[in-house]
N, C-alpha and C. Protein backbone atom coordinates (compact mmCIF):
# COMPACT_ATOMS: atom_id res chain seq x y z
N MET A 1 78.92 92.96 87.03
CA MET A 1 80.01 91.93 87.29
C MET A 1 79.18 90.74 87.28
N ASN A 2 80.01 89.68 87.02
CA ASN A 2 79.40 88.25 86.85
C ASN A 2 79.75 87.71 88.71
N GLN A 3 78.91 87.51 89.45
CA GLN A 3 78.67 87.25 90.87
C GLN A 3 78.77 85.90 91.16
N SER A 4 78.85 84.77 89.93
CA SER A 4 78.64 83.48 90.44
C SER A 4 79.96 82.87 90.82
N THR A 5 81.25 83.60 91.15
CA THR A 5 82.32 83.07 91.45
C THR A 5 82.23 82.91 93.15
N THR A 6 82.39 81.86 93.77
CA THR A 6 82.55 81.55 94.98
C THR A 6 83.48 82.21 95.83
N LYS A 7 83.04 83.02 96.74
CA LYS A 7 83.90 84.04 97.65
C LYS A 7 84.93 83.25 98.26
N GLY A 8 86.40 83.67 97.53
CA GLY A 8 87.49 83.23 98.25
C GLY A 8 88.15 82.03 97.47
N LYS A 9 87.32 81.72 96.38
CA LYS A 9 87.89 80.53 95.50
C LYS A 9 88.30 81.12 94.05
N GLY A 10 88.70 82.42 94.03
CA GLY A 10 88.92 82.85 92.51
C GLY A 10 90.21 82.27 92.17
N SER A 11 90.24 82.35 90.67
CA SER A 11 91.50 81.82 90.05
C SER A 11 91.82 82.57 88.96
N TYR A 12 92.84 82.33 88.24
CA TYR A 12 93.66 83.04 87.13
C TYR A 12 92.56 82.93 86.09
N LYS A 13 91.63 82.20 85.89
CA LYS A 13 90.68 81.94 84.86
C LYS A 13 89.73 82.98 84.99
N ASP A 14 89.15 83.29 86.19
CA ASP A 14 88.22 84.38 86.36
C ASP A 14 88.86 85.72 86.34
N LEU A 15 90.27 86.13 86.33
CA LEU A 15 91.09 87.14 85.92
C LEU A 15 91.08 87.29 84.30
N LEU A 16 91.42 86.19 83.48
CA LEU A 16 91.38 86.56 82.45
C LEU A 16 89.78 86.32 81.49
N ASN A 17 88.72 86.23 82.35
CA ASN A 17 87.61 86.30 81.78
C ASN A 17 86.96 87.84 82.03
N ARG A 18 87.75 88.10 83.02
CA ARG A 18 87.63 89.77 83.20
C ARG A 18 88.25 90.88 82.40
N GLY A 19 89.13 90.31 81.56
CA GLY A 19 90.02 91.09 80.53
C GLY A 19 91.23 91.22 81.42
N PHE A 20 91.78 90.60 82.30
CA PHE A 20 93.27 90.65 82.69
C PHE A 20 94.19 89.95 81.70
N LYS A 21 95.33 90.50 81.64
CA LYS A 21 96.30 90.01 81.04
C LYS A 21 97.65 89.30 81.73
N LYS A 22 98.19 88.18 81.50
CA LYS A 22 99.03 87.36 81.99
C LYS A 22 100.23 88.22 81.60
N CYS A 23 101.45 88.56 82.70
CA CYS A 23 102.32 89.23 82.34
C CYS A 23 103.63 88.34 83.17
N THR A 24 104.73 88.70 82.45
CA THR A 24 105.90 87.92 83.12
C THR A 24 106.48 88.86 84.22
N LEU A 25 106.99 88.20 85.21
CA LEU A 25 107.76 88.91 86.64
C LEU A 25 108.96 88.02 86.49
N GLU A 26 110.05 88.43 86.03
CA GLU A 26 111.28 88.01 86.00
C GLU A 26 111.93 88.19 87.46
N ILE A 27 112.13 87.05 88.37
CA ILE A 27 112.36 87.29 89.51
C ILE A 27 114.00 86.47 89.65
N GLU A 28 114.64 87.28 90.35
CA GLU A 28 116.17 86.89 90.29
C GLU A 28 116.19 86.01 91.40
N LYS A 29 117.38 85.04 91.42
CA LYS A 29 117.64 83.76 92.28
C LYS A 29 118.19 84.23 93.70
N ASP A 30 119.01 85.26 93.73
CA ASP A 30 119.81 85.83 94.82
C ASP A 30 118.44 86.15 95.90
N SER A 31 118.47 85.81 97.29
CA SER A 31 117.70 86.12 98.31
C SER A 31 118.74 87.46 99.06
N LYS A 32 117.50 88.20 99.41
CA LYS A 32 118.21 89.47 100.30
C LYS A 32 117.85 89.37 101.73
N LYS A 33 118.98 88.94 102.63
CA LYS A 33 118.58 89.06 103.86
C LYS A 33 119.53 90.11 104.88
N ASN A 34 119.06 90.40 105.81
CA ASN A 34 119.45 91.38 106.64
C ASN A 34 119.50 92.73 105.77
N LEU A 35 118.64 93.46 104.99
CA LEU A 35 118.54 94.24 104.08
C LEU A 35 118.98 95.42 104.94
N PHE A 36 118.65 95.52 106.10
CA PHE A 36 118.32 96.80 106.91
C PHE A 36 119.68 97.14 106.93
N SER A 37 120.86 96.16 107.63
CA SER A 37 121.94 96.42 107.61
C SER A 37 123.14 97.09 106.36
N ALA A 38 122.22 96.98 105.30
CA ALA A 38 122.96 97.66 104.20
C ALA A 38 122.62 98.89 104.12
N LEU A 39 122.09 99.79 105.02
CA LEU A 39 121.47 101.03 104.84
C LEU A 39 122.81 101.84 104.86
N ALA A 40 123.33 102.65 104.01
CA ALA A 40 124.37 103.70 103.68
C ALA A 40 124.08 104.80 104.17
N SER A 41 123.84 104.72 105.86
CA SER A 41 123.42 106.10 106.57
C SER A 41 124.58 106.50 107.68
N PRO A 42 125.23 107.62 107.26
CA PRO A 42 125.90 108.21 108.27
C PRO A 42 125.67 108.90 109.45
N LYS A 43 123.88 108.35 109.70
CA LYS A 43 123.66 108.82 111.13
C LYS A 43 123.85 107.99 112.26
N THR A 44 124.11 108.48 113.29
CA THR A 44 124.22 107.71 114.51
C THR A 44 122.95 107.04 115.17
N LEU A 45 123.15 106.08 115.85
CA LEU A 45 121.87 105.98 117.09
C LEU A 45 121.22 107.19 117.53
N LYS A 46 122.26 107.96 118.30
CA LYS A 46 121.65 109.17 118.83
C LYS A 46 121.25 110.16 118.17
N GLU A 47 121.56 110.44 116.76
CA GLU A 47 121.08 111.25 115.92
C GLU A 47 119.69 110.76 115.58
N CYS A 48 119.61 109.44 115.33
CA CYS A 48 118.31 109.02 114.70
C CYS A 48 117.13 108.99 115.93
N LEU A 49 117.47 108.85 117.13
CA LEU A 49 116.65 108.96 118.34
C LEU A 49 116.07 110.52 118.40
N THR A 50 116.46 111.56 117.66
CA THR A 50 115.73 112.63 117.95
C THR A 50 114.74 112.83 116.73
N ARG A 51 114.58 111.51 116.12
CA ARG A 51 113.69 111.82 114.90
C ARG A 51 112.05 111.22 115.73
N LYS A 52 110.94 111.59 115.22
CA LYS A 52 109.71 111.55 115.68
C LYS A 52 109.44 110.07 115.87
N ARG A 53 109.74 109.15 114.61
CA ARG A 53 109.14 107.90 114.52
C ARG A 53 110.07 106.99 115.72
N TYR A 54 111.21 107.21 116.13
CA TYR A 54 112.12 106.49 116.77
C TYR A 54 112.27 106.98 118.31
N GLN A 55 111.25 108.06 118.69
CA GLN A 55 111.51 108.55 120.09
C GLN A 55 110.98 107.67 121.15
N LYS A 56 110.06 106.70 120.61
CA LYS A 56 109.57 105.45 121.47
C LYS A 56 110.93 104.69 122.12
N ASN A 57 111.96 104.64 121.32
CA ASN A 57 112.87 103.85 121.58
C ASN A 57 114.19 104.56 122.45
N LYS A 58 113.83 105.99 122.65
CA LYS A 58 114.81 106.93 123.08
C LYS A 58 115.37 106.49 124.26
N ALA A 59 114.26 106.35 125.44
CA ALA A 59 114.78 106.06 126.94
C ALA A 59 115.26 104.99 127.19
N LYS A 60 114.91 104.03 126.34
CA LYS A 60 115.72 102.34 126.57
C LYS A 60 117.15 102.36 125.95
N ALA A 61 117.21 102.90 124.78
CA ALA A 61 118.41 103.22 123.75
C ALA A 61 119.33 103.90 124.90
N GLU A 62 118.98 105.07 125.43
CA GLU A 62 120.12 105.86 126.34
C GLU A 62 120.08 105.23 127.56
N ASN A 63 119.55 104.59 128.28
CA ASN A 63 119.65 103.87 129.12
C ASN A 63 120.65 102.43 129.19
N SER A 64 120.03 101.57 127.95
CA SER A 64 120.61 100.48 128.04
C SER A 64 121.82 100.37 126.91
N TYR A 65 121.77 101.15 126.14
CA TYR A 65 122.78 101.10 125.03
C TYR A 65 123.84 102.31 125.05
N LYS A 66 124.14 102.66 126.10
CA LYS A 66 124.93 103.86 125.96
C LYS A 66 126.20 104.00 125.10
N THR A 67 126.85 102.80 124.92
CA THR A 67 128.09 102.65 124.39
C THR A 67 127.91 102.43 122.83
N TYR A 68 126.66 102.57 122.34
CA TYR A 68 126.29 102.39 120.82
C TYR A 68 125.81 103.61 120.33
N LEU A 69 125.82 104.93 121.34
CA LEU A 69 125.15 105.82 120.80
C LEU A 69 125.63 106.70 119.78
N ASN A 70 126.89 106.44 119.47
CA ASN A 70 127.67 107.23 118.58
C ASN A 70 127.90 106.13 117.42
N GLU A 71 127.33 104.93 117.32
CA GLU A 71 127.62 104.26 116.34
C GLU A 71 126.70 104.36 115.27
N PRO A 72 126.73 104.26 113.63
CA PRO A 72 125.94 104.21 112.83
C PRO A 72 124.65 103.41 112.68
N LEU A 73 123.37 103.68 113.01
CA LEU A 73 122.16 102.95 113.21
C LEU A 73 122.14 101.55 112.72
N PRO A 74 122.61 101.30 111.56
CA PRO A 74 122.48 100.21 110.77
C PRO A 74 123.48 98.95 111.37
N HIS A 75 124.67 99.54 111.63
CA HIS A 75 125.62 98.91 112.43
C HIS A 75 125.20 98.45 113.77
N PHE A 76 124.65 99.47 114.77
CA PHE A 76 123.98 98.95 115.86
C PHE A 76 122.89 98.03 115.89
N LEU A 77 122.07 97.92 114.78
CA LEU A 77 121.00 96.93 114.94
C LEU A 77 121.57 95.73 114.41
N ASP A 78 122.63 95.59 113.71
CA ASP A 78 122.88 94.46 112.87
C ASP A 78 123.55 93.78 114.30
N THR A 79 124.37 94.29 115.01
CA THR A 79 124.91 94.01 116.09
C THR A 79 124.00 93.33 117.36
N LEU A 80 122.88 93.95 117.33
CA LEU A 80 121.82 93.57 118.64
C LEU A 80 121.25 92.31 117.86
N LYS A 81 121.15 92.20 116.26
CA LYS A 81 120.46 91.03 115.94
C LYS A 81 121.27 89.65 116.03
N LYS A 82 122.71 89.91 115.48
CA LYS A 82 123.76 88.78 115.84
C LYS A 82 123.89 88.38 117.34
N SER A 83 123.53 89.29 118.08
CA SER A 83 123.32 89.07 119.64
C SER A 83 122.34 88.45 120.03
N LYS A 84 121.27 88.02 119.26
CA LYS A 84 119.74 87.62 119.10
C LYS A 84 119.34 88.65 120.63
N ASP A 85 119.48 89.92 120.27
CA ASP A 85 118.55 90.88 120.99
C ASP A 85 117.70 91.40 120.12
N ASP A 86 116.47 91.19 120.64
CA ASP A 86 115.08 91.60 119.69
C ASP A 86 114.73 93.08 119.64
N PHE A 87 115.97 93.89 120.46
CA PHE A 87 115.19 95.31 120.40
C PHE A 87 115.56 95.88 119.05
N TYR A 88 116.57 95.34 118.14
CA TYR A 88 116.46 95.79 116.84
C TYR A 88 115.41 96.07 116.03
N LYS A 89 114.21 95.34 116.47
CA LYS A 89 113.15 94.95 115.67
C LYS A 89 112.37 96.25 115.86
N GLU A 90 112.60 97.14 116.79
CA GLU A 90 111.83 98.17 117.14
C GLU A 90 112.09 99.60 116.50
N PHE A 91 113.03 99.25 115.45
CA PHE A 91 113.66 100.33 114.39
C PHE A 91 113.16 100.07 112.99
N LEU A 92 112.41 98.99 113.21
CA LEU A 92 112.19 98.53 111.89
C LEU A 92 110.89 98.24 111.66
N ASN A 93 110.31 98.45 110.28
CA ASN A 93 108.64 98.27 110.27
C ASN A 93 108.38 96.80 110.48
N PRO A 94 107.11 96.29 110.40
CA PRO A 94 106.82 95.00 110.81
C PRO A 94 107.33 93.97 109.67
N ASN A 95 107.75 94.14 108.46
CA ASN A 95 108.26 93.39 107.88
C ASN A 95 109.68 93.62 107.17
N GLY A 96 110.37 94.73 108.20
CA GLY A 96 111.82 95.28 107.63
C GLY A 96 112.74 94.03 107.95
N ASP A 97 112.46 92.82 108.34
CA ASP A 97 113.52 92.06 108.79
C ASP A 97 113.39 90.83 107.84
N ASP A 98 112.35 90.75 106.82
CA ASP A 98 112.10 89.60 106.24
C ASP A 98 112.95 89.52 105.45
N ILE A 99 112.95 88.08 104.33
CA ILE A 99 113.84 87.81 103.41
C ILE A 99 112.97 88.47 102.11
N PHE A 100 113.81 89.15 101.07
CA PHE A 100 113.39 89.65 99.89
C PHE A 100 113.97 89.17 98.68
N CYS A 101 113.60 89.84 97.57
CA CYS A 101 113.92 89.23 96.21
C CYS A 101 113.93 90.45 95.33
N GLN A 102 114.34 90.19 94.27
CA GLN A 102 114.34 91.23 93.45
C GLN A 102 113.61 90.90 92.33
N PHE A 103 112.31 91.58 91.61
CA PHE A 103 111.79 91.10 90.55
C PHE A 103 111.09 92.34 89.86
N THR A 104 111.02 92.21 88.42
CA THR A 104 110.57 92.98 87.74
C THR A 104 109.64 92.53 86.53
N LEU A 105 108.62 93.43 86.13
CA LEU A 105 107.54 93.33 85.27
C LEU A 105 108.37 93.62 83.91
N LYS A 106 108.34 92.65 82.97
CA LYS A 106 109.13 92.48 81.44
C LYS A 106 108.36 93.23 80.51
N GLU A 107 106.89 92.80 80.43
CA GLU A 107 106.38 93.77 78.99
C GLU A 107 106.48 95.07 79.22
N GLU A 108 107.16 95.56 78.09
CA GLU A 108 107.24 97.15 77.97
C GLU A 108 106.02 97.68 77.48
N SER A 109 105.30 97.03 76.93
CA SER A 109 103.88 97.57 76.45
C SER A 109 102.74 97.89 77.75
N VAL A 110 103.06 97.12 78.77
CA VAL A 110 102.15 97.28 79.85
C VAL A 110 102.91 98.41 81.06
N LYS A 111 104.13 98.74 81.01
CA LYS A 111 104.87 99.23 82.15
C LYS A 111 104.06 100.78 82.23
N LYS A 112 103.61 101.36 81.15
CA LYS A 112 103.43 102.97 81.17
C LYS A 112 101.84 103.03 81.43
N GLN A 113 101.19 101.85 81.56
CA GLN A 113 99.59 101.85 81.33
C GLN A 113 99.33 101.64 83.08
N LYS A 114 98.06 101.78 83.44
CA LYS A 114 97.73 101.78 84.90
C LYS A 114 96.30 101.15 84.88
N GLY A 115 96.00 100.51 85.91
CA GLY A 115 94.62 100.00 86.40
C GLY A 115 94.68 98.85 87.46
N LEU A 116 94.21 97.70 87.50
CA LEU A 116 94.37 96.81 88.29
C LEU A 116 95.39 95.43 88.21
N TYR A 117 95.99 95.08 88.88
CA TYR A 117 96.99 94.33 88.97
C TYR A 117 96.49 92.91 90.06
N SER A 118 96.98 91.79 90.04
CA SER A 118 96.75 90.66 90.68
C SER A 118 98.12 89.76 90.60
N TYR A 119 98.12 88.89 91.84
CA TYR A 119 99.14 88.05 92.01
C TYR A 119 98.51 86.66 92.65
N CYS A 120 98.53 85.60 91.47
CA CYS A 120 97.96 84.28 91.92
C CYS A 120 99.34 83.33 92.39
N VAL A 121 99.03 82.70 93.21
CA VAL A 121 99.77 81.60 93.73
C VAL A 121 99.01 79.99 93.51
N ASP A 122 99.78 79.36 92.73
CA ASP A 122 99.30 77.97 92.16
C ASP A 122 97.86 78.17 91.47
N GLY A 123 97.89 79.18 90.87
CA GLY A 123 96.48 79.55 90.09
C GLY A 123 95.80 80.16 90.75
N LYS A 124 95.71 80.24 92.17
CA LYS A 124 94.64 81.10 93.00
C LYS A 124 94.93 82.37 93.03
N ILE A 125 93.77 83.06 93.41
CA ILE A 125 94.12 84.95 93.18
C ILE A 125 94.69 85.10 94.72
N VAL A 126 95.41 85.46 95.15
CA VAL A 126 95.96 85.96 96.33
C VAL A 126 95.94 87.24 96.60
N TYR A 127 96.30 88.31 95.90
CA TYR A 127 96.36 89.69 96.07
C TYR A 127 96.10 90.44 94.84
N ILE A 128 94.97 91.59 95.09
CA ILE A 128 94.40 92.60 94.08
C ILE A 128 94.57 93.69 94.60
N GLY A 129 95.18 94.52 93.55
CA GLY A 129 95.68 95.95 93.85
C GLY A 129 95.56 96.84 92.76
N ARG A 130 95.35 98.11 93.15
CA ARG A 130 95.21 99.13 92.46
C ARG A 130 96.75 99.94 91.82
N CYS A 131 96.62 100.44 90.76
CA CYS A 131 97.81 101.50 90.41
C CYS A 131 97.40 102.34 89.49
N ARG A 132 97.30 103.65 89.95
CA ARG A 132 96.62 104.80 89.65
C ARG A 132 97.85 105.68 88.87
N ASP A 133 99.21 105.35 88.85
CA ASP A 133 100.26 105.86 88.26
C ASP A 133 101.01 105.16 87.04
N ASN A 134 101.55 104.17 87.18
CA ASN A 134 101.82 103.07 86.05
C ASN A 134 102.47 101.85 86.51
N PHE A 135 102.10 100.62 85.87
CA PHE A 135 102.49 99.43 86.52
C PHE A 135 104.05 99.32 86.51
N GLY A 136 104.79 99.88 85.69
CA GLY A 136 106.16 100.04 85.90
C GLY A 136 106.77 100.51 87.20
N LYS A 137 106.29 101.79 87.26
CA LYS A 137 106.44 102.27 88.43
C LYS A 137 106.31 101.42 89.91
N ARG A 138 104.90 100.68 89.96
CA ARG A 138 104.50 100.11 91.20
C ARG A 138 105.26 98.99 91.32
N ILE A 139 105.58 98.14 90.06
CA ILE A 139 106.38 97.05 90.44
C ILE A 139 107.68 97.10 90.32
N ASN A 140 108.31 97.32 89.59
CA ASN A 140 109.72 97.50 89.29
C ASN A 140 110.55 98.41 90.10
N ASN A 141 109.62 99.45 90.54
CA ASN A 141 110.33 100.39 91.64
C ASN A 141 109.55 100.64 93.04
N GLY A 142 108.52 100.03 93.05
CA GLY A 142 107.85 99.23 94.31
C GLY A 142 108.15 98.13 94.85
N TYR A 143 107.20 97.26 94.60
CA TYR A 143 107.16 95.95 95.09
C TYR A 143 108.37 94.88 94.98
N GLY A 144 108.99 95.29 93.63
CA GLY A 144 109.78 94.52 93.36
C GLY A 144 111.40 94.77 93.50
N HIS A 145 111.40 96.28 94.15
CA HIS A 145 113.01 96.66 94.51
C HIS A 145 112.73 97.15 95.92
N ILE A 146 113.15 96.50 96.74
CA ILE A 146 113.10 96.85 98.48
C ILE A 146 114.61 97.27 98.59
N SER A 147 114.87 98.47 98.95
CA SER A 147 116.15 99.45 99.20
C SER A 147 116.15 99.03 100.86
N PRO A 148 117.25 99.15 101.31
CA PRO A 148 117.56 99.22 102.70
C PRO A 148 116.47 100.02 103.82
N LYS A 149 116.41 101.45 103.22
CA LYS A 149 115.58 102.19 103.85
C LYS A 149 114.22 101.75 103.94
N ASN A 150 113.61 101.08 102.92
CA ASN A 150 112.24 100.52 102.84
C ASN A 150 112.26 99.88 104.35
N CYS A 151 113.09 99.22 104.84
CA CYS A 151 112.93 98.27 105.94
C CYS A 151 112.58 98.73 107.57
N TYR A 152 112.84 100.62 107.26
CA TYR A 152 112.75 100.85 108.64
C TYR A 152 111.47 101.61 108.75
N LEU A 153 111.45 102.26 109.90
CA LEU A 153 110.06 102.69 110.56
C LEU A 153 109.41 103.60 109.61
N ASP A 154 110.28 104.37 108.84
CA ASP A 154 109.56 105.35 107.74
C ASP A 154 109.82 104.71 106.61
N GLY A 155 109.91 103.86 106.20
CA GLY A 155 109.98 102.90 104.77
C GLY A 155 108.43 102.39 104.51
N GLN A 156 108.36 101.48 103.49
CA GLN A 156 107.09 101.12 102.95
C GLN A 156 107.07 99.76 103.46
N SER A 157 106.44 99.71 104.51
CA SER A 157 106.14 98.12 105.36
C SER A 157 105.09 97.30 104.36
N THR A 158 104.09 97.76 103.55
CA THR A 158 103.39 97.06 102.51
C THR A 158 104.36 96.45 101.40
N ASN A 159 105.26 97.55 100.91
CA ASN A 159 106.09 96.74 99.83
C ASN A 159 106.81 95.59 100.21
N CYS A 160 107.41 96.05 101.55
CA CYS A 160 108.04 94.77 101.95
C CYS A 160 107.39 93.49 102.15
N HIS A 161 106.52 93.70 102.85
CA HIS A 161 105.43 92.45 103.14
C HIS A 161 105.16 91.76 101.75
N VAL A 162 105.05 92.35 100.70
CA VAL A 162 104.58 91.94 99.29
C VAL A 162 105.56 91.17 98.66
N ASN A 163 106.76 91.98 99.00
CA ASN A 163 107.87 91.39 98.02
C ASN A 163 108.25 90.05 98.93
N SER A 164 108.17 90.03 100.25
CA SER A 164 108.46 88.70 101.14
C SER A 164 107.57 87.61 100.66
N LEU A 165 106.43 87.92 100.33
CA LEU A 165 105.40 87.02 100.15
C LEU A 165 105.57 86.31 98.79
N VAL A 166 106.13 87.15 97.75
CA VAL A 166 106.58 86.87 96.40
C VAL A 166 107.90 85.96 96.37
N HIS A 167 108.60 86.36 97.26
CA HIS A 167 109.92 85.65 97.57
C HIS A 167 109.33 83.90 98.17
N LYS A 168 108.59 84.11 98.73
CA LYS A 168 108.13 82.91 99.89
C LYS A 168 107.62 81.83 98.68
N ASN A 169 107.16 82.48 97.59
CA ASN A 169 105.99 81.61 96.76
C ASN A 169 106.42 81.73 95.30
N ARG A 170 108.11 82.05 94.94
CA ARG A 170 108.63 82.44 93.83
C ARG A 170 108.47 81.59 92.68
N ASN A 171 108.32 80.19 93.20
CA ASN A 171 108.48 78.80 92.00
C ASN A 171 106.68 78.64 91.51
N LYS A 172 105.96 79.29 92.15
CA LYS A 172 104.50 79.11 91.93
C LYS A 172 103.72 80.23 91.93
N ILE A 173 104.41 81.31 91.62
CA ILE A 173 103.63 82.76 91.38
C ILE A 173 103.36 83.20 89.88
N SER A 174 102.22 83.78 89.65
CA SER A 174 101.74 84.42 88.50
C SER A 174 101.25 85.71 88.27
N PHE A 175 101.21 86.70 87.79
CA PHE A 175 101.04 88.09 87.50
C PHE A 175 99.97 88.42 86.51
N TYR A 176 99.07 89.15 86.99
CA TYR A 176 98.09 89.68 85.71
C TYR A 176 97.79 90.97 86.10
N VAL A 177 97.49 91.81 84.89
CA VAL A 177 97.13 92.84 85.02
C VAL A 177 96.17 93.47 84.15
N LEU A 178 94.92 94.14 84.46
CA LEU A 178 94.10 95.03 83.54
C LEU A 178 94.02 96.40 83.52
N SER A 179 94.23 96.71 82.37
CA SER A 179 94.52 98.00 81.76
C SER A 179 93.45 99.05 81.92
N MET A 180 93.37 100.09 82.61
CA MET A 180 92.09 100.86 82.86
C MET A 180 92.89 102.43 82.44
N THR A 181 91.79 103.38 82.55
CA THR A 181 92.26 104.60 82.24
C THR A 181 91.70 105.76 83.42
N LYS A 182 90.49 105.23 83.90
CA LYS A 182 89.64 106.32 84.66
C LYS A 182 89.85 105.77 86.31
N ASN A 183 90.71 106.60 87.28
CA ASN A 183 90.91 106.21 88.35
C ASN A 183 89.66 105.85 89.19
N ASN A 184 88.46 106.63 89.19
CA ASN A 184 87.18 106.30 89.72
C ASN A 184 86.99 104.95 89.58
N GLU A 185 87.00 104.42 88.36
CA GLU A 185 86.66 103.15 87.93
C GLU A 185 87.77 102.13 88.23
N ILE A 186 88.87 102.59 88.26
CA ILE A 186 89.83 101.87 88.98
C ILE A 186 89.77 101.27 90.18
N GLU A 187 89.13 102.16 91.06
CA GLU A 187 89.02 101.87 92.49
C GLU A 187 87.71 101.24 92.71
N GLN A 188 86.89 101.64 92.18
CA GLN A 188 85.45 100.69 92.29
C GLN A 188 85.88 99.22 91.90
N GLU A 189 86.55 99.04 90.87
CA GLU A 189 86.48 97.50 90.51
C GLU A 189 87.49 96.98 91.49
N GLU A 190 88.41 97.79 92.18
CA GLU A 190 89.40 96.94 92.92
C GLU A 190 88.26 96.45 94.08
N LYS A 191 87.66 97.52 95.02
CA LYS A 191 86.77 97.00 95.60
C LYS A 191 85.72 95.85 95.46
N ASP A 192 85.42 96.06 94.33
CA ASP A 192 84.40 94.97 94.02
C ASP A 192 85.05 93.43 93.80
N LEU A 193 86.20 93.12 93.24
CA LEU A 193 86.93 92.25 93.04
C LEU A 193 87.41 91.60 94.33
N ILE A 194 87.77 92.76 95.08
CA ILE A 194 88.30 91.96 96.71
C ILE A 194 87.21 91.62 97.48
N ALA A 195 86.17 92.15 97.30
CA ALA A 195 84.96 91.54 98.09
C ALA A 195 84.48 90.45 97.37
N LEU A 196 84.67 90.37 96.05
CA LEU A 196 84.02 88.90 95.25
C LEU A 196 85.19 87.87 95.75
N PHE A 197 86.59 87.98 95.87
CA PHE A 197 87.30 87.05 95.64
C PHE A 197 87.96 86.75 97.09
N ASP A 198 88.00 87.77 97.99
CA ASP A 198 88.35 87.52 99.42
C ASP A 198 89.90 87.31 99.18
N PRO A 199 91.21 87.70 98.73
CA PRO A 199 92.22 87.21 98.42
C PRO A 199 92.95 87.20 99.61
N GLU A 200 93.79 86.39 99.89
CA GLU A 200 94.61 86.02 101.35
C GLU A 200 95.47 86.93 101.40
N TRP A 201 96.20 87.47 100.76
CA TRP A 201 97.13 88.60 101.06
C TRP A 201 96.52 89.73 101.28
N ASN A 202 95.64 90.30 100.74
CA ASN A 202 94.75 91.41 101.01
C ASN A 202 94.38 91.39 102.57
N LYS A 203 93.74 90.24 103.02
CA LYS A 203 93.41 90.17 104.23
C LYS A 203 94.54 90.07 105.25
N ILE A 204 95.59 89.45 104.75
CA ILE A 204 97.01 89.60 105.68
C ILE A 204 97.42 90.96 106.00
N LEU A 205 97.66 91.74 104.73
CA LEU A 205 97.97 92.97 104.83
C LEU A 205 96.88 94.31 105.50
N LYS A 206 95.84 93.73 105.27
CA LYS A 206 94.50 94.80 106.32
C LYS A 206 95.01 94.56 107.63
N LEU A 207 95.01 93.21 108.13
CA LEU A 207 95.45 93.04 109.45
C LEU A 207 96.28 93.47 109.98
N LYS A 208 97.44 93.53 109.43
CA LYS A 208 98.71 94.22 109.65
C LYS A 208 98.83 95.84 109.69
N LYS A 209 97.82 96.26 108.99
CA LYS A 209 97.57 97.69 109.32
C LYS A 209 96.67 98.16 110.48
N THR A 210 96.04 97.33 110.88
CA THR A 210 95.28 97.67 112.03
C THR A 210 95.78 97.24 113.46
N LYS A 211 96.96 96.93 113.32
CA LYS A 211 97.58 96.36 114.53
C LYS A 211 98.15 97.73 114.80
């Protein structure tokens, strides 16, 4: 690998020089706010408190929110947010109340391939990730589509975070992929490029996971 690139200063040109291909991300105009409240769940707050992930909230919920125990969980959380009661956040992952968008990878020829992918903002590399299944699944069914369930503690916090970052930078983002076939080479190349370019979003996501 060419090590001449200054750490933290990688651009889309560095990606192209390494064989990456620019692809089209189609980002819908509508923003998705309060997505957690759209969860179509028949489970009540009381029922959800029996689940392992939510047991840390059990004592406070049963003592301070007794009148809500038989309310559907999404309705309960939406009520708390509207009343500016931050206890609702205890049921969501760290990025579960972000503002999201819907986006899709358009190139059919790329969707079934795997390898590395990168997001750039204003031409600067901000995120590098690996994909060992296929780009279509990772982008269109993962990062690009956040369901209400994703917002909760048992959802995908990383997907929520990346999607919200794409939304915030929607007018200046570009996307690149490097098709590869061997998983061990995909993993090693990802490590090498992250070490070389030190992308901002990779650092943010790593920091979130350690908290």
